[in-house]
Amino acid sequence: MTNTLSLGRIGEKDLRMDEPVCDDEESYEESAKHVNYKSLKDSEDGSIFYDNDNHIIVIKIDGLWMKLHVESLPDSIKYDF
């Protein structure tokens, strides 16, 4: 892989449990929230996303959502961006 990988940033405001009753084209934003919910609910082990509300990376392992541990970089590692 030669490019960066950006995780989906998903929070409560990006999810909707129930499917909107109106036309998908008219309510595409609400439909997208339902698609996000279904996608996460039906996801397989290895699925990963950034929880925008709690500022954590979450991964599904053995059917359970788990927080991925991260830590600060050592002082010896610096980036110009």
PDB file of N, CA and C in Angstrom:
ATOM      1  N   MET A   1       0.845  -1.167   0.000  1.00  0.00           N
ATOM      2  CA  MET A   1       0.000   0.000   0.000  1.00  0.00           C
ATOM      3  C   MET A   1       0.895   1.236   0.000  1.00  0.00           C
ATOM      4  N   THR A   2       0.604   2.159  -0.873  1.00  0.00           N
ATOM      5  CA  THR A   2       1.434   3.355  -0.968  1.00  0.00           C
ATOM      6  C   THR A   2       0.696   4.624  -0.580  1.00  0.00           C
ATOM      7  N   ASN A   3      -0.551   4.520  -0.154  1.00  0.00           N
ATOM      8  CA  ASN A   3      -1.340   5.686   0.247  1.00  0.00           C
ATOM      9  C   ASN A   3      -1.747   5.564   1.706  1.00  0.00           C
ATOM     10  N   THR A   4      -2.187   6.679   2.274  1.00  0.00           N
ATOM     11  CA  THR A   4      -2.707   6.632   3.642  1.00  0.00           C
ATOM     12  C   THR A   4      -4.082   5.978   3.654  1.00  0.00           C
ATOM     13  N   LEU A   5      -4.489   5.547   4.813  1.00  0.00           N
ATOM     14  CA  LEU A   5      -5.795   4.944   5.009  1.00  0.00           C
ATOM     15  C   LEU A   5      -6.578   5.823   5.977  1.00  0.00           C
ATOM     16  N   SER A   6      -7.743   6.271   5.579  1.00  0.00           N
ATOM     17  CA  SER A   6      -8.581   7.075   6.462  1.00  0.00           C
ATOM     18  C   SER A   6      -9.775   6.236   6.896  1.00  0.00           C
ATOM     19  N   LEU A   7      -9.985   6.155   8.199  1.00  0.00           N
ATOM     20  CA  LEU A   7     -11.122   5.416   8.738  1.00  0.00           C
ATOM     21  C   LEU A   7     -12.374   6.271   8.662  1.00  0.00           C
ATOM     22  N   GLY A   8     -13.508   5.609   8.537  1.00  0.00           N
ATOM     23  CA  GLY A   8     -14.775   6.317   8.592  1.00  0.00           C
ATOM     24  C   GLY A   8     -14.964   6.939   9.962  1.00  0.00           C
ATOM     25  N   ARG A   9     -15.386   8.191  10.001  1.00  0.00           N
ATOM     26  CA  ARG A   9     -15.642   8.909  11.250  1.00  0.00           C
ATOM     27  C   ARG A   9     -17.144   8.833  11.504  1.00  0.00           C
ATOM     28  N   ILE A  10     -17.538   7.995  12.459  1.00  0.00           N
ATOM     29  CA  ILE A  10     -18.953   7.747  12.698  1.00  0.00           C
ATOM     30  C   ILE A  10     -19.288   8.055  14.148  1.00  0.00           C
ATOM     31  N   GLY A  11     -20.344   8.822  14.337  1.00  0.00           N
ATOM     32  CA  GLY A  11     -20.846   9.147  15.665  1.00  0.00           C
ATOM     33  C   GLY A  11     -22.349   8.919  15.707  1.00  0.00           C
ATOM     34  N   GLU A  12     -22.946   9.177  16.854  1.00  0.00           N
ATOM     35  CA  GLU A  12     -24.389   8.975  17.018  1.00  0.00           C
ATOM     36  C   GLU A  12     -25.204   9.735  15.978  1.00  0.00           C
ATOM     37  N   LYS A  13     -24.756  10.942  15.613  1.00  0.00           N
ATOM     38  CA  LYS A  13     -25.507  11.743  14.655  1.00  0.00           C
ATOM     39  C   LYS A  13     -25.471  11.153  13.239  1.00  0.00           C
ATOM     40  N   ASP A  14     -24.606  10.166  13.030  1.00  0.00           N
ATOM     41  CA  ASP A  14     -24.457   9.538  11.714  1.00  0.00           C
ATOM     42  C   ASP A  14     -25.216   8.222  11.612  1.00  0.00           C
ATOM     43  N   LEU A  15     -25.967   7.868  12.651  1.00  0.00           N
ATOM     44  CA  LEU A  15     -26.654   6.580  12.691  1.00  0.00           C
ATOM     45  C   LEU A  15     -28.155   6.761  12.874  1.00  0.00           C
ATOM     46  N   ARG A  16     -28.905   5.837  12.287  1.00  0.00           N
ATOM     47  CA  ARG A  16     -30.352   5.801  12.455  1.00  0.00           C
ATOM     48  C   ARG A  16     -30.791   4.346  12.436  1.00  0.00           C
ATOM     49  N   MET A  17     -31.413   3.887  13.535  1.00  0.00           N
ATOM     50  CA  MET A  17     -31.835   2.487  13.648  1.00  0.00           C
ATOM     51  C   MET A  17     -32.932   2.114  12.647  1.00  0.00           C
ATOM     52  N   ASP A  18     -33.935   2.951  12.558  1.00  0.00           N
ATOM     53  CA  ASP A  18     -35.078   2.636  11.709  1.00  0.00           C
ATOM     54  C   ASP A  18     -34.913   3.220  10.311  1.00  0.00           C
ATOM     55  N   GLU A  19     -35.483   2.534   9.351  1.00  0.00           N
ATOM     56  CA  GLU A  19     -35.416   2.996   7.964  1.00  0.00           C
ATOM     57  C   GLU A  19     -36.419   4.124   7.764  1.00  0.00           C
ATOM     58  N   PRO A  20     -36.013   5.224   7.110  1.00  0.00           N
ATOM     59  CA  PRO A  20     -36.954   6.320   6.877  1.00  0.00           C
ATOM     60  C   PRO A  20     -38.121   5.849   5.995  1.00  0.00           C
ATOM     61  N   VAL A  21     -39.295   6.386   6.259  1.00  0.00           N
ATOM     62  CA  VAL A  21     -40.492   5.966   5.539  1.00  0.00           C
ATOM     63  C   VAL A  21     -40.615   6.677   4.196  1.00  0.00           C
ATOM     64  N   CYS A  22     -40.087   7.872   4.074  1.00  0.00           N
ATOM     65  CA  CYS A  22     -40.224   8.630   2.829  1.00  0.00           C
ATOM     66  C   CYS A  22     -39.260   8.146   1.750  1.00  0.00           C
ATOM     67  N   ASP A  23     -39.361   8.753   0.599  1.00  0.00           N
ATOM     68  CA  ASP A  23     -38.558   8.417  -0.568  1.00  0.00           C
ATOM     69  C   ASP A  23     -37.071   8.607  -0.278  1.00  0.00           C
ATOM     70  N   ASP A  24     -36.248   7.617  -0.667  1.00  0.00           N
ATOM     71  CA  ASP A  24     -34.800   7.677  -0.408  1.00  0.00           C
ATOM     72  C   ASP A  24     -34.145   8.907  -1.030  1.00  0.00           C
ATOM     73  N   GLU A  25     -34.621   9.304  -2.206  1.00  0.00           N
ATOM     74  CA  GLU A  25     -34.024  10.473  -2.858  1.00  0.00           C
ATOM     75  C   GLU A  25     -34.331  11.761  -2.097  1.00  0.00           C
ATOM     76  N   GLU A  26     -35.508  11.824  -1.507  1.00  0.00           N
ATOM     77  CA  GLU A  26     -35.877  13.015  -0.742  1.00  0.00           C
ATOM     78  C   GLU A  26     -35.210  13.032   0.633  1.00  0.00           C
ATOM     79  N   SER A  27     -34.989  11.848   1.198  1.00  0.00           N
ATOM     80  CA  SER A  27     -34.406  11.766   2.542  1.00  0.00           C
ATOM     81  C   SER A  27     -33.073  11.030   2.509  1.00  0.00           C
ATOM     82  N   TYR A  28     -32.242  11.355   1.516  1.00  0.00           N
ATOM     83  CA  TYR A  28     -30.983  10.627   1.328  1.00  0.00           C
ATOM     84  C   TYR A  28     -30.064  10.708   2.537  1.00  0.00           C
ATOM     85  N   GLU A  29     -30.085  11.827   3.268  1.00  0.00           N
ATOM     86  CA  GLU A  29     -29.218  11.934   4.447  1.00  0.00           C
ATOM     87  C   GLU A  29     -29.669  10.976   5.541  1.00  0.00           C
ATOM     88  N   GLU A  30     -30.968  10.896   5.770  1.00  0.00           N
ATOM     89  CA  GLU A  30     -31.487   9.974   6.780  1.00  0.00           C
ATOM     90  C   GLU A  30     -31.319   8.524   6.326  1.00  0.00           C
ATOM     91  N   SER A  31     -31.466   8.277   5.035  1.00  0.00           N
ATOM     92  CA  SER A  31     -31.249   6.927   4.494  1.00  0.00           C
ATOM     93  C   SER A  31     -29.799   6.504   4.686  1.00  0.00           C
ATOM     94  N   ALA A  32     -28.874   7.445   4.470  1.00  0.00           N
ATOM     95  CA  ALA A  32     -27.452   7.151   4.649  1.00  0.00           C
ATOM     96  C   ALA A  32     -27.152   6.795   6.104  1.00  0.00           C
ATOM     97  N   LYS A  33     -27.823   7.449   7.041  1.00  0.00           N
ATOM     98  CA  LYS A  33     -27.631   7.139   8.461  1.00  0.00           C
ATOM     99  C   LYS A  33     -28.096   5.715   8.763  1.00  0.00           C
ATOM    100  N   HIS A  34     -29.196   5.308   8.132  1.00  0.00           N
ATOM    101  CA  HIS A  34     -29.691   3.943   8.331  1.00  0.00           C
ATOM    102  C   HIS A  34     -28.733   2.930   7.709  1.00  0.00           C
ATOM    103  N   VAL A  35     -28.197   3.254   6.552  1.00  0.00           N
ATOM    104  CA  VAL A  35     -27.213   2.378   5.902  1.00  0.00           C
ATOM    105  C   VAL A  35     -25.984   2.232   6.795  1.00  0.00           C
ATOM    106  N   ASN A  36     -25.526   3.322   7.402  1.00  0.00           N
ATOM    107  CA  ASN A  36     -24.393   3.255   8.341  1.00  0.00           C
ATOM    108  C   ASN A  36     -24.707   2.299   9.484  1.00  0.00           C
ATOM    109  N   TYR A  37     -25.895   2.440  10.055  1.00  0.00           N
ATOM    110  CA  TYR A  37     -26.300   1.591  11.178  1.00  0.00           C
ATOM    111  C   TYR A  37     -26.305   0.119  10.777  1.00  0.00           C
ATOM    112  N   LYS A  38     -26.954  -0.181   9.648  1.00  0.00           N
ATOM    113  CA  LYS A  38     -27.027  -1.571   9.191  1.00  0.00           C
ATOM    114  C   LYS A  38     -25.638  -2.122   8.886  1.00  0.00           C
ATOM    115  N   SER A  39     -24.796  -1.296   8.286  1.00  0.00           N
ATOM    116  CA  SER A  39     -23.445  -1.725   7.945  1.00  0.00           C
ATOM    117  C   SER A  39     -22.651  -2.099   9.189  1.00  0.00           C
ATOM    118  N   LEU A  40     -22.745  -1.280  10.226  1.00  0.00           N
ATOM    119  CA  LEU A  40     -22.043  -1.585  11.473  1.00  0.00           C
ATOM    120  C   LEU A  40     -22.668  -2.782  12.182  1.00  0.00           C
ATOM    121  N   LYS A  41     -23.984  -2.859  12.188  1.00  0.00           N
ATOM    122  CA  LYS A  41     -24.679  -3.959  12.852  1.00  0.00           C
ATOM    123  C   LYS A  41     -24.348  -5.300  12.206  1.00  0.00           C
ATOM    124  N   ASP A  42     -24.252  -5.307  10.876  1.00  0.00           N
ATOM    125  CA  ASP A  42     -24.009  -6.539  10.128  1.00  0.00           C
ATOM    126  C   ASP A  42     -22.526  -6.782   9.822  1.00  0.00           C
ATOM    127  N   SER A  43     -21.646  -5.946  10.358  1.00  0.00           N
ATOM    128  CA  SER A  43     -20.225  -6.047  10.010  1.00  0.00           C
ATOM    129  C   SER A  43     -19.598  -7.324  10.566  1.00  0.00           C
ATOM    130  N   GLU A  44     -18.559  -7.743   9.900  1.00  0.00           N
ATOM    131  CA  GLU A  44     -17.830  -8.953  10.284  1.00  0.00           C
ATOM    132  C   GLU A  44     -16.614  -8.590  11.133  1.00  0.00           C
ATOM    133  N   ASP A  45     -16.006  -9.602  11.732  1.00  0.00           N
ATOM    134  CA  ASP A  45     -14.765  -9.398  12.473  1.00  0.00           C
ATOM    135  C   ASP A  45     -13.732  -8.723  11.572  1.00  0.00           C
ATOM    136  N   GLY A  46     -12.991  -7.808  12.130  1.00  0.00           N
ATOM    137  CA  GLY A  46     -11.983  -7.068  11.376  1.00  0.00           C
ATOM    138  C   GLY A  46     -12.486  -5.719  10.898  1.00  0.00           C
ATOM    139  N   SER A  47     -13.793  -5.453  11.046  1.00  0.00           N
ATOM    140  CA  SER A  47     -14.330  -4.138  10.674  1.00  0.00           C
ATOM    141  C   SER A  47     -13.802  -3.112  11.671  1.00  0.00           C
ATOM    142  N   ILE A  48     -13.511  -1.923  11.163  1.00  0.00           N
ATOM    143  CA  ILE A  48     -12.869  -0.912  12.003  1.00  0.00           C
ATOM    144  C   ILE A  48     -13.407   0.466  11.612  1.00  0.00           C
ATOM    145  N   PHE A  49     -13.574   1.344  12.619  1.00  0.00           N
ATOM    146  CA  PHE A  49     -13.985   2.718  12.351  1.00  0.00           C
ATOM    147  C   PHE A  49     -13.512   3.626  13.483  1.00  0.00           C
ATOM    148  N   TYR A  50     -13.566   4.920  13.225  1.00  0.00           N
ATOM    149  CA  TYR A  50     -13.220   5.921  14.235  1.00  0.00           C
ATOM    150  C   TYR A  50     -14.517   6.406  14.876  1.00  0.00           C
ATOM    151  N   ASP A  51     -14.665   6.206  16.185  1.00  0.00           N
ATOM    152  CA  ASP A  51     -15.833   6.660  16.930  1.00  0.00           C
ATOM    153  C   ASP A  51     -15.637   8.152  17.194  1.00  0.00           C
ATOM    154  N   ASN A  52     -16.345   8.937  16.426  1.00  0.00           N
ATOM    155  CA  ASN A  52     -16.198  10.391  16.455  1.00  0.00           C
ATOM    156  C   ASN A  52     -16.646  11.003  17.783  1.00  0.00           C
ATOM    157  N   ASP A  53     -17.578  10.370  18.463  1.00  0.00           N
ATOM    158  CA  ASP A  53     -18.084  10.900  19.729  1.00  0.00           C
ATOM    159  C   ASP A  53     -17.124  10.653  20.886  1.00  0.00           C
ATOM    160  N   ASN A  54     -16.475   9.504  20.885  1.00  0.00           N
ATOM    161  CA  ASN A  54     -15.606   9.122  22.000  1.00  0.00           C
ATOM    162  C   ASN A  54     -14.118   9.229  21.679  1.00  0.00           C
ATOM    163  N   HIS A  55     -13.793   9.621  20.442  1.00  0.00           N
ATOM    164  CA  HIS A  55     -12.408   9.813  20.008  1.00  0.00           C
ATOM    165  C   HIS A  55     -11.561   8.561  20.210  1.00  0.00           C
ATOM    166  N   ILE A  56     -12.108   7.423  19.733  1.00  0.00           N
ATOM    167  CA  ILE A  56     -11.388   6.150  19.818  1.00  0.00           C
ATOM    168  C   ILE A  56     -11.533   5.396  18.497  1.00  0.00           C
ATOM    169  N   ILE A  57     -10.602   4.497  18.255  1.00  0.00           N
ATOM    170  CA  ILE A  57     -10.696   3.591  17.120  1.00  0.00           C
ATOM    171  C   ILE A  57     -11.280   2.288  17.637  1.00  0.00           C
ATOM    172  N   VAL A  58     -12.286   1.785  16.935  1.00  0.00           N
ATOM    173  CA  VAL A  58     -13.019   0.607  17.374  1.00  0.00           C
ATOM    174  C   VAL A  58     -12.887  -0.474  16.310  1.00  0.00           C
ATOM    175  N   ILE A  59     -12.666  -1.718  16.743  1.00  0.00           N
ATOM    176  CA  ILE A  59     -12.530  -2.844  15.825  1.00  0.00           C
ATOM    177  C   ILE A  59     -13.387  -3.999  16.336  1.00  0.00           C
ATOM    178  N   LYS A  60     -13.969  -4.761  15.416  1.00  0.00           N
ATOM    179  CA  LYS A  60     -14.801  -5.896  15.801  1.00  0.00           C
ATOM    180  C   LYS A  60     -13.958  -7.169  15.791  1.00  0.00           C
ATOM    181  N   ILE A  61     -13.933  -7.849  16.943  1.00  0.00           N
ATOM    182  CA  ILE A  61     -13.167  -9.090  17.104  1.00  0.00           C
ATOM    183  C   ILE A  61     -14.059 -10.091  17.834  1.00  0.00           C
ATOM    184  N   ASP A  62     -14.155 -11.297  17.298  1.00  0.00           N
ATOM    185  CA  ASP A  62     -15.006 -12.338  17.886  1.00  0.00           C
ATOM    186  C   ASP A  62     -16.427 -11.844  18.138  1.00  0.00           C
ATOM    187  N   GLY A  63     -16.932 -11.017  17.228  1.00  0.00           N
ATOM    188  CA  GLY A  63     -18.303 -10.530  17.322  1.00  0.00           C
ATOM    189  C   GLY A  63     -18.526  -9.394  18.294  1.00  0.00           C
ATOM    190  N   LEU A  64     -17.459  -8.889  18.921  1.00  0.00           N
ATOM    191  CA  LEU A  64     -17.575  -7.799  19.893  1.00  0.00           C
ATOM    192  C   LEU A  64     -16.812  -6.569  19.421  1.00  0.00           C
ATOM    193  N   TRP A  65     -17.393  -5.393  19.639  1.00  0.00           N
ATOM    194  CA  TRP A  65     -16.676  -4.152  19.353  1.00  0.00           C
ATOM    195  C   TRP A  65     -15.704  -3.884  20.489  1.00  0.00           C
ATOM    196  N   MET A  66     -14.457  -3.600  20.139  1.00  0.00           N
ATOM    197  CA  MET A  66     -13.413  -3.350  21.132  1.00  0.00           C
ATOM    198  C   MET A  66     -12.641  -2.089  20.770  1.00  0.00           C
ATOM    199  N   LYS A  67     -12.174  -1.392  21.807  1.00  0.00           N
ATOM    200  CA  LYS A  67     -11.358  -0.204  21.612  1.00  0.00           C
ATOM    201  C   LYS A  67      -9.946  -0.646  21.222  1.00  0.00           C
ATOM    202  N   LEU A  68      -9.404  -0.007  20.203  1.00  0.00           N
ATOM    203  CA  LEU A  68      -8.034  -0.285  19.792  1.00  0.00           C
ATOM    204  C   LEU A  68      -7.106   0.634  20.580  1.00  0.00           C
ATOM    205  N   HIS A  69      -6.114   0.054  21.237  1.00  0.00           N
ATOM    206  CA  HIS A  69      -5.194   0.843  22.060  1.00  0.00           C
ATOM    207  C   HIS A  69      -4.217   1.608  21.159  1.00  0.00           C
ATOM    208  N   VAL A  70      -4.072   2.887  21.429  1.00  0.00           N
ATOM    209  CA  VAL A  70      -3.091   3.728  20.733  1.00  0.00           C
ATOM    210  C   VAL A  70      -2.292   4.483  21.792  1.00  0.00           C
ATOM    211  N   GLU A  71      -1.141   4.975  21.405  1.00  0.00           N
ATOM    212  CA  GLU A  71      -0.328   5.754  22.333  1.00  0.00           C
ATOM    213  C   GLU A  71       0.385   6.866  21.582  1.00  0.00           C
ATOM    214  N   SER A  72       0.824   7.860  22.306  1.00  0.00           N
ATOM    215  CA  SER A  72       1.540   8.988  21.706  1.00  0.00           C
ATOM    216  C   SER A  72       2.863   8.513  21.115  1.00  0.00           C
ATOM    217  N   LEU A  73       3.321   9.225  20.103  1.00  0.00           N
ATOM    218  CA  LEU A  73       4.618   8.919  19.509  1.00  0.00           C
ATOM    219  C   LEU A  73       5.743   9.297  20.460  1.00  0.00           C
ATOM    220  N   PRO A  74       6.863   8.590  20.383  1.00  0.00           N
ATOM    221  CA  PRO A  74       8.029   9.001  21.179  1.00  0.00           C
ATOM    222  C   PRO A  74       8.519  10.370  20.710  1.00  0.00           C
ATOM    223  N   ASP A  75       9.169  11.094  21.586  1.00  0.00           N
ATOM    224  CA  ASP A  75       9.678  12.434  21.244  1.00  0.00           C
ATOM    225  C   ASP A  75      10.647  12.398  20.070  1.00  0.00           C
ATOM    226  N   SER A  76      11.287  11.257  19.836  1.00  0.00           N
ATOM    227  CA  SER A  76      12.277  11.149  18.756  1.00  0.00           C
ATOM    228  C   SER A  76      11.628  11.068  17.369  1.00  0.00           C
ATOM    229  N   ILE A  77      10.329  10.867  17.305  1.00  0.00           N
ATOM    230  CA  ILE A  77       9.642  10.787  16.023  1.00  0.00           C
ATOM    231  C   ILE A  77       8.837  12.060  15.821  1.00  0.00           C
ATOM    232  N   LYS A  78       9.144  12.772  14.734  1.00  0.00           N
ATOM    233  CA  LYS A  78       8.456  14.030  14.420  1.00  0.00           C
ATOM    234  C   LYS A  78       8.126  14.052  12.937  1.00  0.00           C
ATOM    235  N   TYR A  79       7.000  14.620  12.612  1.00  0.00           N
ATOM    236  CA  TYR A  79       6.580  14.787  11.219  1.00  0.00           C
ATOM    237  C   TYR A  79       6.419  16.268  10.921  1.00  0.00           C
ATOM    238  N   ASP A  80       6.652  16.651   9.682  1.00  0.00           N
ATOM    239  CA  ASP A  80       6.535  18.053   9.274  1.00  0.00           C
ATOM    240  C   ASP A  80       5.115  18.407   8.856  1.00  0.00           C
ATOM    241  N   PHE A  81       4.188  17.480   8.946  1.00  0.00           N
ATOM    242  CA  PHE A  81       2.813  17.778   8.535  1.00  0.00           C
ATOM    243  C   PHE A  81       1.870  17.675   9.699  1.00  0.00           C
TER     244      PHE A  81
END
